[in-house]
Amino acid sequence: SGGMQKRVALARAIAANPEIIFFDEPTTGLDPIMADIINDLIVQCSKELNATTITITHDMASTRKIADKVAMLYEGKIIWQGTKEKMDNSGNKFVEQFIHGSSKGPIEIKLQDH
């Protein structure tokens, strides 16, 4: 299953006792329960190893659970950074649009005509 594959990948990542662990979309393709299990494992491993984790994700539930600090990239640049607690009141229209998943805002998605 996808959850088992993610757990195996996590086990491989921590086997060498790293100081920094990178995660790229660790919960993509998982149901909400399995995603929460993976998030719990990430938090637990980070604490037990005293490791820094850097995660790329669009999953806001994961962000809220595993992050201490958050940065948002847009067009290759960091447009906002701060604590997860400040994310909801960032005052940044790009961040607000993204975390609420709104199609209206400064981030425009161009759809191709066929």
C-alpha atoms as a PDB file:
ATOM      1  CA  SER A   1       0.000   0.000   0.000  1.00  0.00           C
ATOM      2  CA  GLY A   2       1.000   3.643  -0.331  1.00  0.00           C
ATOM      3  CA  GLY A   3       1.183   4.013   3.429  1.00  0.00           C
ATOM      4  CA  MET A   4       3.530   1.058   3.774  1.00  0.00           C
ATOM      5  CA  GLN A   5       5.771   2.439   1.027  1.00  0.00           C
ATOM      6  CA  LYS A   6       5.904   5.802   2.804  1.00  0.00           C
ATOM      7  CA  ARG A   7       6.788   4.126   6.136  1.00  0.00           C
ATOM      8  CA  VAL A   8       9.560   2.100   4.480  1.00  0.00           C
ATOM      9  CA  ALA A   9      10.922   5.256   2.834  1.00  0.00           C
ATOM     10  CA  LEU A  10      10.884   7.009   6.211  1.00  0.00           C
ATOM     11  CA  ALA A  11      12.728   4.094   7.836  1.00  0.00           C
ATOM     12  CA  ARG A  12      15.385   4.260   5.111  1.00  0.00           C
ATOM     13  CA  ALA A  13      15.713   8.019   5.537  1.00  0.00           C
ATOM     14  CA  ILE A  14      16.383   7.823   9.277  1.00  0.00           C
ATOM     15  CA  ALA A  15      18.621   4.742   9.247  1.00  0.00           C
ATOM     16  CA  ALA A  16      21.794   6.847   9.062  1.00  0.00           C
ATOM     17  CA  ASN A  17      20.792   9.151  11.955  1.00  0.00           C
ATOM     18  CA  PRO A  18      20.738  12.286   9.785  1.00  0.00           C
ATOM     19  CA  GLU A  19      20.807  15.834  11.126  1.00  0.00           C
ATOM     20  CA  ILE A  20      18.534  17.026   8.306  1.00  0.00           C
ATOM     21  CA  ILE A  21      15.747  15.017   6.666  1.00  0.00           C
ATOM     22  CA  PHE A  22      14.067  16.156   3.446  1.00  0.00           C
ATOM     23  CA  PHE A  23      10.480  15.152   2.671  1.00  0.00           C
ATOM     24  CA  ASP A  24       8.897  15.750  -0.721  1.00  0.00           C
ATOM     25  CA  GLU A  25       5.096  15.547  -0.531  1.00  0.00           C
ATOM     26  CA  PRO A  26       5.156  12.817   2.162  1.00  0.00           C
ATOM     27  CA  THR A  27       1.361  12.463   2.318  1.00  0.00           C
ATOM     28  CA  THR A  28       0.463  12.705  -1.374  1.00  0.00           C
ATOM     29  CA  GLY A  29      -1.801   9.878  -2.474  1.00  0.00           C
ATOM     30  CA  LEU A  30      -2.698   8.802   1.051  1.00  0.00           C
ATOM     31  CA  ASP A  31      -6.100   8.788   2.681  1.00  0.00           C
ATOM     32  CA  PRO A  32      -6.485  11.265   5.582  1.00  0.00           C
ATOM     33  CA  ILE A  33      -5.964   8.635   8.289  1.00  0.00           C
ATOM     34  CA  MET A  34      -2.773   7.235   6.765  1.00  0.00           C
ATOM     35  CA  ALA A  35      -1.556  10.792   6.114  1.00  0.00           C
ATOM     36  CA  ASP A  36      -1.991  11.546   9.820  1.00  0.00           C
ATOM     37  CA  ILE A  37      -0.047   8.397  10.723  1.00  0.00           C
ATOM     38  CA  ILE A  38       2.812   9.498   8.450  1.00  0.00           C
ATOM     39  CA  ASN A  39       2.705  12.992   9.976  1.00  0.00           C
ATOM     40  CA  ASP A  40       2.919  11.475  13.475  1.00  0.00           C
ATOM     41  CA  LEU A  41       5.926   9.401  12.377  1.00  0.00           C
ATOM     42  CA  ILE A  42       7.653  12.473  10.943  1.00  0.00           C
ATOM     43  CA  VAL A  43       7.150  14.409  14.191  1.00  0.00           C
ATOM     44  CA  GLN A  44       8.268  11.439  16.302  1.00  0.00           C
ATOM     45  CA  CYS A  45      11.388  10.756  14.216  1.00  0.00           C
ATOM     46  CA  SER A  46      12.353  14.411  14.172  1.00  0.00           C
ATOM     47  CA  LYS A  47      12.156  14.600  17.964  1.00  0.00           C
ATOM     48  CA  GLU A  48      13.893  11.281  18.624  1.00  0.00           C
ATOM     49  CA  LEU A  49      16.750  12.062  16.229  1.00  0.00           C
ATOM     50  CA  ASN A  50      16.846  15.748  17.158  1.00  0.00           C
ATOM     51  CA  ALA A  51      16.818  16.317  13.406  1.00  0.00           C
ATOM     52  CA  THR A  52      15.721  19.249  11.317  1.00  0.00           C
ATOM     53  CA  THR A  53      13.094  18.351   8.739  1.00  0.00           C
ATOM     54  CA  ILE A  54      12.471  20.270   5.538  1.00  0.00           C
ATOM     55  CA  THR A  55       9.215  19.365   3.849  1.00  0.00           C
ATOM     56  CA  ILE A  56       7.791  20.356   0.497  1.00  0.00           C
ATOM     57  CA  THR A  57       4.026  19.991   0.618  1.00  0.00           C
ATOM     58  CA  HIS A  58       0.756  21.467  -0.506  1.00  0.00           C
ATOM     59  CA  ASP A  59      -1.087  19.581   2.261  1.00  0.00           C
ATOM     60  CA  MET A  60      -2.085  22.222   4.789  1.00  0.00           C
ATOM     61  CA  ALA A  61      -3.151  19.655   7.420  1.00  0.00           C
ATOM     62  CA  SER A  62       0.365  18.203   7.272  1.00  0.00           C
ATOM     63  CA  THR A  63       1.897  21.663   7.425  1.00  0.00           C
ATOM     64  CA  ARG A  64      -0.070  22.477  10.560  1.00  0.00           C
ATOM     65  CA  LYS A  65       0.917  19.191  12.206  1.00  0.00           C
ATOM     66  CA  ILE A  66       4.608  18.824  11.354  1.00  0.00           C
ATOM     67  CA  ALA A  67       5.934  22.354  10.815  1.00  0.00           C
ATOM     68  CA  ASP A  68       7.376  24.862  13.222  1.00  0.00           C
ATOM     69  CA  LYS A  69       8.279  27.388  10.532  1.00  0.00           C
ATOM     70  CA  VAL A  70       6.692  27.780   7.109  1.00  0.00           C
ATOM     71  CA  ALA A  71       7.859  29.417   3.901  1.00  0.00           C
ATOM     72  CA  MET A  72       5.792  29.853   0.774  1.00  0.00           C
ATOM     73  CA  LEU A  73       7.400  29.781  -2.635  1.00  0.00           C
ATOM     74  CA  TYR A  74       5.788  31.475  -5.598  1.00  0.00           C
ATOM     75  CA  GLU A  75       7.423  31.737  -8.998  1.00  0.00           C
ATOM     76  CA  GLY A  76      10.727  30.545  -7.541  1.00  0.00           C
ATOM     77  CA  LYS A  77      10.888  33.071  -4.703  1.00  0.00           C
ATOM     78  CA  ILE A  78      10.069  32.925  -1.010  1.00  0.00           C
ATOM     79  CA  ILE A  79       7.164  35.355  -0.707  1.00  0.00           C
ATOM     80  CA  TRP A  80       6.372  34.739   2.965  1.00  0.00           C
ATOM     81  CA  GLN A  81       7.927  33.006   5.932  1.00  0.00           C
ATOM     82  CA  GLY A  82       6.972  32.719   9.548  1.00  0.00           C
ATOM     83  CA  THR A  83       5.675  30.343  12.181  1.00  0.00           C
ATOM     84  CA  LYS A  84       2.732  28.085  11.441  1.00  0.00           C
ATOM     85  CA  GLU A  85       0.787  30.027  14.065  1.00  0.00           C
ATOM     86  CA  LYS A  86       1.221  33.238  12.046  1.00  0.00           C
ATOM     87  CA  MET A  87       0.320  31.603   8.739  1.00  0.00           C
ATOM     88  CA  ASP A  88      -3.440  32.158   9.052  1.00  0.00           C
ATOM     89  CA  ASN A  89      -2.962  35.858   9.775  1.00  0.00           C
ATOM     90  CA  SER A  90      -0.019  36.468   7.470  1.00  0.00           C
ATOM     91  CA  GLY A  91      -1.595  39.444   5.734  1.00  0.00           C
ATOM     92  CA  ASN A  92      -0.207  37.995   2.501  1.00  0.00           C
ATOM     93  CA  LYS A  93      -2.882  37.549  -0.174  1.00  0.00           C
ATOM     94  CA  PHE A  94      -0.913  34.739  -1.868  1.00  0.00           C
ATOM     95  CA  VAL A  95      -0.648  32.772   1.382  1.00  0.00           C
ATOM     96  CA  GLU A  96      -4.306  33.364   2.194  1.00  0.00           C
ATOM     97  CA  GLN A  97      -5.409  32.131  -1.234  1.00  0.00           C
ATOM     98  CA  PHE A  98      -3.212  29.042  -1.000  1.00  0.00           C
ATOM     99  CA  ILE A  99      -4.120  27.925   2.515  1.00  0.00           C
ATOM    100  CA  HIS A 100      -7.828  28.353   1.803  1.00  0.00           C
ATOM    101  CA  GLY A 101      -7.606  26.698  -1.618  1.00  0.00           C
ATOM    102  CA  SER A 102      -9.432  29.549  -3.302  1.00  0.00           C
ATOM    103  CA  SER A 103      -9.513  29.908  -7.079  1.00  0.00           C
ATOM    104  CA  LYS A 104      -9.869  33.689  -6.595  1.00  0.00           C
ATOM    105  CA  GLY A 105      -6.811  35.730  -5.724  1.00  0.00           C
ATOM    106  CA  PRO A 106      -3.414  36.801  -6.979  1.00  0.00           C
ATOM    107  CA  ILE A 107      -2.345  33.265  -7.942  1.00  0.00           C
ATOM    108  CA  GLU A 108      -3.752  32.665 -11.385  1.00  0.00           C
ATOM    109  CA  ILE A 109      -3.874  29.236 -12.957  1.00  0.00           C
ATOM    110  CA  LYS A 110      -4.045  29.362 -16.713  1.00  0.00           C
ATOM    111  CA  LEU A 111      -5.996  26.547 -18.309  1.00  0.00           C
ATOM    112  CA  GLN A 112      -5.062  25.566 -21.829  1.00  0.00           C
ATOM    113  CA  ASP A 113      -7.722  25.653 -24.500  1.00  0.00           C
ATOM    114  CA  HIS A 114      -7.966  22.489 -26.556  1.00  0.00           C
END
